[in-house]
């Protein structure tokens, strides 16, 4: 399910494709209602992503994501989340450093943020800049379920945000994006 935008090769950056500067990691399971947002967004992002951008779509989680967070300067993560505080389809943008650890986490579940933290603690070459773009989901667990109409409608604006980020990356460089913010939908 994973592939760079510019070739048919699979997986994260390797010695053969080490020119990858930006990786767009689209998370979710295409079989689970709103959780398929990442899969659908990846299909659209691949249509315009430049050569030095790798677009990956995967249902994997936890430590299975370790390879995807390494050996790249910027990581853009696309996913759904459920806060219960906003209507379905609300788009959020935040950096991994803005997330607070949840006390009492289960030793049986490791998420992307825990994987990033462990990789940093081990001194691995983790992405310097990690940006999350997520849409509020209504249902991430119904097998074969339909996407909520507001979540489906959020894909286009979310993809446009990524297009703008990638255009800015090419036009004015990485450092100019550090303070860039996008409001909620």
N, C-alpha and C. Protein backbone atom coordinates (compact mmCIF):
# COMPACT_ATOMS: atom_id res chain seq x y z
N UNK A 1 0.80 -1.20 0.00
CA UNK A 1 0.00 0.00 0.00
C UNK A 1 0.84 1.26 0.00
N UNK A 2 2.12 1.16 0.26
CA UNK A 2 2.92 2.36 0.32
C UNK A 2 3.69 2.53 -0.98
N UNK A 3 3.82 3.78 -1.40
CA UNK A 3 4.62 4.06 -2.58
C UNK A 3 4.95 5.53 -2.65
N UNK A 4 6.17 5.86 -3.07
CA UNK A 4 6.51 7.26 -3.25
C UNK A 4 5.65 7.86 -4.35
N UNK A 5 5.47 9.13 -4.29
CA UNK A 5 4.67 9.81 -5.30
C UNK A 5 5.32 9.73 -6.67
N UNK A 6 6.63 9.58 -6.68
CA UNK A 6 7.34 9.71 -7.94
C UNK A 6 7.83 8.40 -8.53
N UNK A 7 7.51 7.27 -7.92
CA UNK A 7 7.98 6.01 -8.49
C UNK A 7 7.13 4.87 -7.96
N UNK A 8 7.42 3.69 -8.46
CA UNK A 8 6.68 2.52 -8.02
C UNK A 8 7.35 1.80 -6.87
N UNK A 9 8.49 2.29 -6.36
CA UNK A 9 9.17 1.61 -5.26
C UNK A 9 8.34 1.71 -3.99
N UNK A 10 8.60 0.80 -3.07
CA UNK A 10 7.78 0.73 -1.86
C UNK A 10 8.61 1.09 -0.65
N UNK A 11 7.87 1.57 0.42
CA UNK A 11 8.49 1.77 1.71
C UNK A 11 9.16 3.11 1.87
N UNK A 12 9.77 3.31 3.04
CA UNK A 12 10.41 4.57 3.37
C UNK A 12 11.72 4.77 2.62
N UNK A 13 12.30 5.93 2.79
CA UNK A 13 13.53 6.28 2.10
C UNK A 13 14.62 5.25 2.35
N UNK A 14 15.35 4.92 1.30
CA UNK A 14 16.46 3.98 1.39
C UNK A 14 17.66 4.63 0.70
N UNK A 15 18.76 3.90 0.62
CA UNK A 15 19.94 4.42 -0.06
C UNK A 15 19.61 4.77 -1.51
N UNK A 16 18.67 4.03 -2.12
CA UNK A 16 18.32 4.27 -3.51
C UNK A 16 17.48 5.52 -3.71
N UNK A 17 16.65 5.88 -2.71
CA UNK A 17 15.81 7.06 -2.87
C UNK A 17 16.00 8.04 -1.72
N UNK A 18 17.25 8.20 -1.27
CA UNK A 18 17.57 9.02 -0.10
C UNK A 18 17.37 10.51 -0.36
N UNK A 19 17.01 10.92 -1.59
CA UNK A 19 16.75 12.32 -1.87
C UNK A 19 15.40 12.78 -1.31
N UNK A 20 14.63 11.88 -0.71
CA UNK A 20 13.34 12.23 -0.14
C UNK A 20 13.56 13.20 1.02
N UNK A 21 12.92 14.38 0.92
CA UNK A 21 13.03 15.40 1.97
C UNK A 21 11.78 15.48 2.80
N UNK A 22 10.66 15.18 2.18
CA UNK A 22 9.36 15.26 2.84
C UNK A 22 8.64 13.94 2.63
N UNK A 23 8.04 13.44 3.71
CA UNK A 23 7.24 12.23 3.60
C UNK A 23 5.84 12.58 4.11
N UNK A 24 4.84 12.22 3.32
CA UNK A 24 3.45 12.38 3.74
C UNK A 24 2.97 10.98 4.11
N UNK A 25 2.71 10.78 5.39
CA UNK A 25 2.33 9.49 5.93
C UNK A 25 0.83 9.50 6.22
N UNK A 26 0.07 8.83 5.37
CA UNK A 26 -1.39 8.80 5.49
C UNK A 26 -1.79 7.52 6.20
N UNK A 27 -2.35 7.68 7.39
CA UNK A 27 -2.70 6.54 8.23
C UNK A 27 -4.19 6.23 8.13
N UNK A 28 -4.51 4.98 8.31
CA UNK A 28 -5.91 4.59 8.35
C UNK A 28 -6.16 3.32 7.57
N UNK A 29 -7.32 2.79 7.79
CA UNK A 29 -7.71 1.55 7.16
C UNK A 29 -8.86 1.82 6.20
N UNK A 30 -8.65 1.54 4.95
CA UNK A 30 -9.66 1.84 3.93
C UNK A 30 -10.95 1.04 4.10
N UNK A 31 -10.96 0.05 4.98
CA UNK A 31 -12.15 -0.77 5.20
C UNK A 31 -13.00 -0.28 6.37
N UNK A 32 -12.52 0.74 7.11
CA UNK A 32 -13.20 1.17 8.34
C UNK A 32 -13.76 2.58 8.24
N UNK A 33 -14.93 2.73 7.71
CA UNK A 33 -15.70 3.99 7.67
C UNK A 33 -14.78 5.21 7.54
N UNK A 34 -14.83 6.14 8.51
CA UNK A 34 -14.07 7.39 8.43
C UNK A 34 -12.56 7.19 8.47
N UNK A 35 -12.12 6.04 8.96
CA UNK A 35 -10.68 5.78 9.05
C UNK A 35 -10.04 5.67 7.66
N UNK A 36 -10.84 5.59 6.62
CA UNK A 36 -10.31 5.49 5.26
C UNK A 36 -9.87 6.85 4.72
N UNK A 37 -10.05 7.92 5.48
CA UNK A 37 -9.67 9.26 5.03
C UNK A 37 -8.20 9.31 4.56
N UNK A 38 -7.28 8.75 5.32
CA UNK A 38 -5.87 8.77 4.95
C UNK A 38 -5.60 8.11 3.62
N UNK A 39 -6.24 6.97 3.39
CA UNK A 39 -6.08 6.24 2.14
C UNK A 39 -6.57 7.08 0.95
N UNK A 40 -7.74 7.70 1.11
CA UNK A 40 -8.30 8.51 0.02
C UNK A 40 -7.48 9.79 -0.21
N UNK A 41 -6.99 10.39 0.86
CA UNK A 41 -6.16 11.58 0.73
C UNK A 41 -4.85 11.25 0.00
N UNK A 42 -4.25 10.12 0.32
CA UNK A 42 -2.99 9.72 -0.32
C UNK A 42 -3.15 9.60 -1.82
N UNK A 43 -4.26 9.04 -2.26
CA UNK A 43 -4.49 8.91 -3.71
C UNK A 43 -4.47 10.27 -4.40
N UNK A 44 -5.05 11.28 -3.77
CA UNK A 44 -5.08 12.62 -4.36
C UNK A 44 -3.73 13.31 -4.27
N UNK A 45 -3.04 13.15 -3.15
CA UNK A 45 -1.75 13.81 -2.94
C UNK A 45 -0.72 13.30 -3.94
N UNK A 46 -0.77 12.02 -4.25
CA UNK A 46 0.17 11.44 -5.22
C UNK A 46 0.07 12.11 -6.59
N UNK A 47 -1.07 12.71 -6.90
CA UNK A 47 -1.28 13.34 -8.20
C UNK A 47 -0.44 14.61 -8.38
N UNK A 48 -0.05 15.26 -7.29
CA UNK A 48 0.69 16.52 -7.41
C UNK A 48 2.00 16.57 -6.63
N UNK A 49 2.30 15.55 -5.87
CA UNK A 49 3.52 15.59 -5.05
C UNK A 49 4.77 15.65 -5.91
N UNK A 50 5.70 16.55 -5.57
CA UNK A 50 6.96 16.64 -6.32
C UNK A 50 7.86 15.43 -6.09
N UNK A 51 8.94 15.35 -6.86
CA UNK A 51 9.85 14.21 -6.82
C UNK A 51 10.45 13.94 -5.45
N UNK A 52 10.71 14.99 -4.67
CA UNK A 52 11.36 14.78 -3.38
C UNK A 52 10.37 14.57 -2.24
N UNK A 53 9.12 14.26 -2.58
CA UNK A 53 8.09 13.98 -1.59
C UNK A 53 7.63 12.54 -1.76
N UNK A 54 7.66 11.79 -0.67
CA UNK A 54 7.21 10.41 -0.67
C UNK A 54 5.84 10.37 -0.01
N UNK A 55 4.88 9.74 -0.65
CA UNK A 55 3.53 9.62 -0.12
C UNK A 55 3.30 8.15 0.22
N UNK A 56 2.99 7.89 1.49
CA UNK A 56 2.78 6.53 1.96
C UNK A 56 1.40 6.43 2.57
N UNK A 57 0.68 5.38 2.23
CA UNK A 57 -0.62 5.08 2.82
C UNK A 57 -0.49 3.73 3.49
N UNK A 58 -0.82 3.67 4.79
CA UNK A 58 -0.66 2.41 5.51
C UNK A 58 -1.68 2.28 6.63
N UNK A 59 -2.14 1.06 6.88
CA UNK A 59 -3.00 0.81 8.03
C UNK A 59 -2.19 0.44 9.28
N UNK A 60 -0.87 0.40 9.14
CA UNK A 60 -0.01 0.00 10.26
C UNK A 60 -0.08 1.01 11.40
N UNK A 61 0.35 0.57 12.58
CA UNK A 61 0.38 1.45 13.74
C UNK A 61 1.57 1.07 14.62
N UNK A 62 1.77 1.86 15.66
CA UNK A 62 2.79 1.56 16.66
C UNK A 62 4.19 1.48 16.09
N UNK A 63 4.96 0.52 16.60
CA UNK A 63 6.35 0.38 16.19
C UNK A 63 6.50 0.01 14.72
N UNK A 64 5.44 -0.47 14.10
CA UNK A 64 5.49 -0.77 12.66
C UNK A 64 5.72 0.50 11.85
N UNK A 65 5.46 1.66 12.45
CA UNK A 65 5.63 2.94 11.74
C UNK A 65 7.05 3.50 11.88
N UNK A 66 7.89 2.84 12.65
CA UNK A 66 9.22 3.37 12.94
C UNK A 66 10.00 3.73 11.67
N UNK A 67 10.04 2.86 10.70
CA UNK A 67 10.80 3.14 9.48
C UNK A 67 10.28 4.38 8.75
N UNK A 68 8.99 4.66 8.88
CA UNK A 68 8.39 5.78 8.17
C UNK A 68 8.73 7.15 8.78
N UNK A 69 9.19 7.17 10.03
CA UNK A 69 9.50 8.45 10.69
C UNK A 69 10.99 8.77 10.62
N UNK A 70 11.78 7.88 10.04
CA UNK A 70 13.23 8.04 10.00
C UNK A 70 13.71 8.53 8.63
N UNK A 71 14.89 9.15 8.66
CA UNK A 71 15.62 9.50 7.43
C UNK A 71 14.85 10.43 6.50
N UNK A 72 14.17 11.40 7.07
CA UNK A 72 13.44 12.39 6.30
C UNK A 72 13.44 13.68 7.12
N UNK A 73 13.49 14.83 6.46
CA UNK A 73 13.52 16.10 7.17
C UNK A 73 12.16 16.48 7.74
N UNK A 74 11.12 16.36 6.93
CA UNK A 74 9.77 16.74 7.36
C UNK A 74 8.83 15.55 7.18
N UNK A 75 7.98 15.36 8.18
CA UNK A 75 6.97 14.31 8.13
C UNK A 75 5.61 14.98 8.30
N UNK A 76 4.72 14.76 7.34
CA UNK A 76 3.35 15.25 7.42
C UNK A 76 2.47 14.01 7.60
N UNK A 77 1.78 13.96 8.72
CA UNK A 77 0.94 12.80 9.04
C UNK A 77 -0.51 13.17 8.81
N UNK A 78 -1.22 12.35 8.05
CA UNK A 78 -2.64 12.55 7.77
C UNK A 78 -3.41 11.41 8.44
N UNK A 79 -4.41 11.78 9.23
CA UNK A 79 -5.15 10.76 9.96
C UNK A 79 -6.51 11.32 10.38
N UNK A 80 -7.28 10.49 11.03
CA UNK A 80 -8.52 10.94 11.67
C UNK A 80 -8.31 10.86 13.17
N UNK A 81 -9.13 11.58 13.90
CA UNK A 81 -9.11 11.49 15.35
C UNK A 81 -10.51 11.74 15.86
N UNK A 82 -10.73 11.37 17.10
CA UNK A 82 -12.02 11.60 17.73
C UNK A 82 -11.77 12.33 19.04
N UNK A 83 -12.14 13.60 19.06
CA UNK A 83 -12.02 14.39 20.29
C UNK A 83 -13.35 14.48 21.01
N UNK A 84 -14.42 14.38 20.25
CA UNK A 84 -15.73 14.53 20.82
C UNK A 84 -16.09 15.98 21.13
N UNK A 85 -15.20 16.90 20.77
CA UNK A 85 -15.43 18.33 21.06
C UNK A 85 -15.77 19.15 19.83
N UNK A 86 -15.63 18.55 18.67
CA UNK A 86 -15.89 19.27 17.41
C UNK A 86 -16.72 18.39 16.50
N UNK A 87 -17.43 19.02 15.56
CA UNK A 87 -18.23 18.22 14.64
C UNK A 87 -17.36 17.41 13.67
N UNK A 88 -17.89 16.29 13.17
CA UNK A 88 -17.15 15.50 12.18
C UNK A 88 -16.73 16.39 11.01
N UNK A 89 -15.52 16.15 10.52
CA UNK A 89 -15.00 16.91 9.39
C UNK A 89 -14.13 18.09 9.79
N UNK A 90 -14.13 18.45 11.08
CA UNK A 90 -13.27 19.54 11.54
C UNK A 90 -11.82 19.15 11.29
N UNK A 91 -11.05 20.05 10.71
CA UNK A 91 -9.65 19.77 10.41
C UNK A 91 -8.76 20.41 11.46
N UNK A 92 -7.81 19.62 11.95
CA UNK A 92 -6.85 20.08 12.95
C UNK A 92 -5.46 20.05 12.34
N UNK A 93 -4.63 20.98 12.77
CA UNK A 93 -3.22 20.99 12.38
C UNK A 93 -2.42 21.26 13.64
N UNK A 94 -1.46 20.38 13.93
CA UNK A 94 -0.61 20.56 15.10
C UNK A 94 0.71 19.84 14.88
N UNK A 95 1.69 20.21 15.66
CA UNK A 95 3.01 19.57 15.60
C UNK A 95 3.09 18.54 16.72
N UNK A 96 3.94 17.55 16.54
CA UNK A 96 4.05 16.51 17.55
C UNK A 96 4.50 17.08 18.90
N UNK A 97 5.31 18.13 18.88
CA UNK A 97 5.79 18.72 20.13
C UNK A 97 4.68 19.42 20.91
N UNK A 98 3.54 19.66 20.28
CA UNK A 98 2.41 20.30 20.95
C UNK A 98 1.53 19.30 21.69
N UNK A 99 1.77 18.02 21.48
CA UNK A 99 0.96 16.99 22.12
C UNK A 99 1.51 16.68 23.50
N UNK A 100 0.63 16.52 24.44
CA UNK A 100 1.02 16.14 25.79
C UNK A 100 0.84 14.64 25.94
N UNK A 101 1.76 14.04 26.67
CA UNK A 101 1.66 12.61 26.91
C UNK A 101 0.43 12.32 27.77
N UNK A 102 -0.23 11.25 27.45
CA UNK A 102 -1.38 10.82 28.23
C UNK A 102 -0.88 9.94 29.36
N UNK A 103 -1.14 10.33 30.62
CA UNK A 103 -0.65 9.51 31.74
C UNK A 103 -1.35 8.16 31.78
N UNK A 104 -0.61 7.17 32.21
CA UNK A 104 -1.19 5.85 32.39
C UNK A 104 -1.49 5.12 31.11
N UNK A 105 -0.71 5.38 30.06
CA UNK A 105 -0.93 4.69 28.79
C UNK A 105 -0.75 3.19 28.94
N UNK A 106 -1.39 2.45 28.08
CA UNK A 106 -1.33 1.00 28.13
C UNK A 106 -0.01 0.49 27.55
N UNK A 107 0.61 -0.48 28.21
CA UNK A 107 1.84 -1.06 27.65
C UNK A 107 1.54 -1.94 26.44
N UNK A 108 0.25 -2.20 26.18
CA UNK A 108 -0.14 -3.05 25.06
C UNK A 108 -0.39 -2.27 23.78
N UNK A 109 -0.43 -0.95 23.88
CA UNK A 109 -0.69 -0.14 22.69
C UNK A 109 0.36 0.95 22.58
N UNK A 110 0.96 1.04 21.43
CA UNK A 110 1.94 2.08 21.16
C UNK A 110 1.46 2.83 19.92
N UNK A 111 1.34 4.14 20.03
CA UNK A 111 0.91 4.95 18.91
C UNK A 111 2.08 5.61 18.21
N UNK A 112 1.78 6.42 17.23
CA UNK A 112 2.83 7.10 16.47
C UNK A 112 3.64 8.04 17.36
N UNK A 113 2.99 8.75 18.26
CA UNK A 113 3.72 9.69 19.11
C UNK A 113 4.71 8.97 20.03
N UNK A 114 4.30 7.82 20.56
CA UNK A 114 5.22 7.03 21.39
C UNK A 114 6.38 6.49 20.55
N UNK A 115 6.08 6.12 19.31
CA UNK A 115 7.13 5.63 18.41
C UNK A 115 8.13 6.74 18.11
N UNK A 116 7.64 7.96 17.85
CA UNK A 116 8.53 9.11 17.62
C UNK A 116 9.39 9.38 18.85
N UNK A 117 8.78 9.36 20.03
CA UNK A 117 9.51 9.65 21.27
C UNK A 117 10.61 8.61 21.50
N UNK A 118 10.28 7.34 21.29
CA UNK A 118 11.28 6.29 21.48
C UNK A 118 12.43 6.45 20.49
N UNK A 119 12.11 6.72 19.23
CA UNK A 119 13.15 6.88 18.22
C UNK A 119 14.08 8.04 18.59
N UNK A 120 13.52 9.13 19.09
CA UNK A 120 14.34 10.27 19.51
C UNK A 120 15.20 9.89 20.70
N UNK A 121 14.62 9.18 21.65
CA UNK A 121 15.36 8.77 22.84
C UNK A 121 16.52 7.85 22.48
N UNK A 122 16.34 7.06 21.45
CA UNK A 122 17.40 6.15 21.00
C UNK A 122 18.41 6.84 20.09
N UNK A 123 18.17 8.11 19.77
CA UNK A 123 19.09 8.86 18.92
C UNK A 123 18.98 8.50 17.45
N UNK A 124 17.85 7.96 17.03
CA UNK A 124 17.66 7.61 15.63
C UNK A 124 17.36 8.87 14.81
N UNK A 125 17.61 8.84 13.51
CA UNK A 125 17.41 10.02 12.66
C UNK A 125 15.93 10.29 12.34
N UNK A 126 15.22 10.80 13.35
CA UNK A 126 13.79 11.09 13.23
C UNK A 126 13.60 12.39 12.46
N UNK A 127 12.47 12.51 11.80
CA UNK A 127 12.13 13.74 11.09
C UNK A 127 12.29 14.94 12.03
N UNK A 128 12.90 16.01 11.52
CA UNK A 128 13.10 17.23 12.31
C UNK A 128 11.78 17.92 12.60
N UNK A 129 10.87 17.86 11.67
CA UNK A 129 9.60 18.57 11.76
C UNK A 129 8.48 17.58 11.49
N UNK A 130 7.57 17.43 12.46
CA UNK A 130 6.45 16.51 12.31
C UNK A 130 5.16 17.30 12.46
N UNK A 131 4.37 17.32 11.39
CA UNK A 131 3.10 18.04 11.38
C UNK A 131 1.98 17.03 11.20
N UNK A 132 0.96 17.13 12.05
CA UNK A 132 -0.22 16.29 11.93
C UNK A 132 -1.35 17.10 11.32
N UNK A 133 -2.01 16.53 10.34
CA UNK A 133 -3.24 17.08 9.78
C UNK A 133 -4.29 15.99 9.96
N UNK A 134 -5.30 16.31 10.72
CA UNK A 134 -6.30 15.29 11.04
C UNK A 134 -7.69 15.87 10.91
N UNK A 135 -8.62 15.00 10.62
CA UNK A 135 -10.03 15.39 10.56
C UNK A 135 -10.78 14.66 11.66
N UNK A 136 -11.68 15.38 12.30
CA UNK A 136 -12.53 14.77 13.32
C UNK A 136 -13.41 13.71 12.65
N UNK A 137 -13.38 12.52 13.20
CA UNK A 137 -14.15 11.40 12.66
C UNK A 137 -15.41 11.18 13.48
N UNK A 138 -16.39 10.57 12.84
CA UNK A 138 -17.61 10.17 13.54
C UNK A 138 -17.57 8.67 13.85
N UNK A 139 -16.96 7.88 12.94
CA UNK A 139 -16.95 6.43 13.08
C UNK A 139 -15.67 5.88 12.46
N UNK A 140 -14.78 5.35 13.31
CA UNK A 140 -13.54 4.77 12.81
C UNK A 140 -13.50 3.27 13.01
N UNK A 141 -14.63 2.66 13.29
CA UNK A 141 -14.58 1.23 13.59
C UNK A 141 -15.55 0.35 12.82
N UNK A 142 -16.49 0.90 12.09
CA UNK A 142 -17.45 0.07 11.38
C UNK A 142 -16.83 -0.51 10.11
N UNK A 143 -16.66 -1.81 10.12
CA UNK A 143 -16.09 -2.51 8.96
C UNK A 143 -17.04 -2.37 7.78
N UNK A 144 -16.53 -1.83 6.69
CA UNK A 144 -17.33 -1.64 5.49
C UNK A 144 -18.30 -0.48 5.59
N UNK A 145 -18.19 0.29 6.65
CA UNK A 145 -19.10 1.42 6.85
C UNK A 145 -18.82 2.57 5.89
N UNK A 146 -19.84 3.37 5.67
CA UNK A 146 -19.71 4.55 4.82
C UNK A 146 -19.06 5.68 5.61
N UNK A 147 -18.27 6.50 4.92
CA UNK A 147 -17.70 7.68 5.55
C UNK A 147 -18.81 8.68 5.84
N UNK A 148 -18.70 9.34 6.97
CA UNK A 148 -19.61 10.43 7.29
C UNK A 148 -19.43 11.50 6.22
N UNK A 149 -20.52 12.11 5.76
CA UNK A 149 -20.44 13.07 4.66
C UNK A 149 -19.53 14.25 4.98
N UNK A 150 -19.49 14.70 6.23
CA UNK A 150 -18.62 15.82 6.59
C UNK A 150 -17.15 15.42 6.58
N UNK A 151 -16.86 14.17 6.93
CA UNK A 151 -15.47 13.68 6.90
C UNK A 151 -15.03 13.53 5.45
N UNK A 152 -15.89 13.01 4.62
CA UNK A 152 -15.60 12.89 3.19
C UNK A 152 -15.35 14.28 2.58
N UNK A 153 -16.16 15.26 2.98
CA UNK A 153 -16.01 16.63 2.47
C UNK A 153 -14.73 17.28 2.97
N UNK A 154 -14.17 16.80 4.06
CA UNK A 154 -12.93 17.37 4.62
C UNK A 154 -11.69 16.96 3.84
N UNK A 155 -11.79 15.93 3.02
CA UNK A 155 -10.61 15.44 2.29
C UNK A 155 -10.06 16.52 1.36
N UNK A 156 -10.91 17.16 0.60
CA UNK A 156 -10.45 18.17 -0.36
C UNK A 156 -9.74 19.34 0.33
N UNK A 157 -10.30 19.95 1.37
CA UNK A 157 -9.57 21.03 2.04
C UNK A 157 -8.28 20.54 2.69
N UNK A 158 -8.28 19.33 3.23
CA UNK A 158 -7.08 18.78 3.84
C UNK A 158 -5.99 18.60 2.79
N UNK A 159 -6.35 18.06 1.64
CA UNK A 159 -5.39 17.88 0.54
C UNK A 159 -4.89 19.24 0.06
N UNK A 160 -5.75 20.23 0.02
CA UNK A 160 -5.33 21.58 -0.38
C UNK A 160 -4.32 22.17 0.59
N UNK A 161 -4.50 21.92 1.88
CA UNK A 161 -3.53 22.38 2.88
C UNK A 161 -2.17 21.74 2.60
N UNK A 162 -2.17 20.45 2.30
CA UNK A 162 -0.91 19.75 2.01
C UNK A 162 -0.30 20.29 0.73
N UNK A 163 -1.11 20.53 -0.28
CA UNK A 163 -0.61 21.10 -1.53
C UNK A 163 0.07 22.45 -1.25
N UNK A 164 -0.59 23.30 -0.44
CA UNK A 164 -0.01 24.60 -0.08
C UNK A 164 1.30 24.44 0.68
N UNK A 165 1.33 23.49 1.61
CA UNK A 165 2.56 23.25 2.38
C UNK A 165 3.69 22.81 1.46
N UNK A 166 3.41 21.93 0.52
CA UNK A 166 4.44 21.43 -0.38
C UNK A 166 4.88 22.53 -1.35
N UNK A 167 3.96 23.37 -1.79
CA UNK A 167 4.33 24.49 -2.67
C UNK A 167 5.22 25.48 -1.94
N UNK A 168 4.88 25.77 -0.69
CA UNK A 168 5.72 26.66 0.10
C UNK A 168 7.09 26.07 0.34
N UNK A 169 7.12 24.77 0.56
CA UNK A 169 8.39 24.07 0.78
C UNK A 169 9.30 24.27 -0.43
N UNK A 170 8.76 24.13 -1.61
CA UNK A 170 9.53 24.28 -2.84
C UNK A 170 9.89 25.74 -3.09
N UNK A 171 8.92 26.64 -2.85
CA UNK A 171 9.11 28.05 -3.19
C UNK A 171 10.02 28.80 -2.24
N UNK A 172 9.76 28.65 -0.93
CA UNK A 172 10.52 29.48 0.01
C UNK A 172 11.33 28.70 1.01
N UNK A 173 11.28 27.40 0.98
CA UNK A 173 12.13 26.59 1.83
C UNK A 173 11.51 26.17 3.13
N UNK A 174 12.17 25.23 3.76
CA UNK A 174 11.71 24.58 4.98
C UNK A 174 11.52 25.54 6.15
N UNK A 175 12.45 26.43 6.40
CA UNK A 175 12.38 27.28 7.58
C UNK A 175 11.18 28.21 7.56
N UNK A 176 10.71 28.59 6.41
CA UNK A 176 9.57 29.50 6.33
C UNK A 176 8.28 28.84 6.80
N UNK A 177 8.23 27.52 6.81
CA UNK A 177 7.01 26.83 7.22
C UNK A 177 6.87 26.69 8.72
N UNK A 178 7.93 26.95 9.46
CA UNK A 178 7.92 26.70 10.91
C UNK A 178 6.77 27.41 11.61
N UNK A 179 6.48 28.65 11.25
CA UNK A 179 5.42 29.38 11.94
C UNK A 179 4.08 29.37 11.25
N UNK A 180 3.97 28.66 10.14
CA UNK A 180 2.74 28.65 9.35
C UNK A 180 1.64 27.89 10.10
N UNK A 181 0.46 28.49 10.19
CA UNK A 181 -0.63 27.82 10.87
C UNK A 181 -1.88 27.83 9.99
N UNK A 182 -2.73 26.89 10.23
CA UNK A 182 -4.00 26.80 9.53
C UNK A 182 -5.09 26.69 10.58
N UNK A 183 -6.19 27.38 10.39
CA UNK A 183 -7.28 27.34 11.35
C UNK A 183 -8.11 26.10 11.20
N UNK A 184 -8.98 25.91 12.17
CA UNK A 184 -9.91 24.78 12.09
C UNK A 184 -10.93 25.05 11.02
N UNK A 185 -11.44 24.00 10.45
CA UNK A 185 -12.46 24.08 9.43
C UNK A 185 -13.80 24.42 10.07
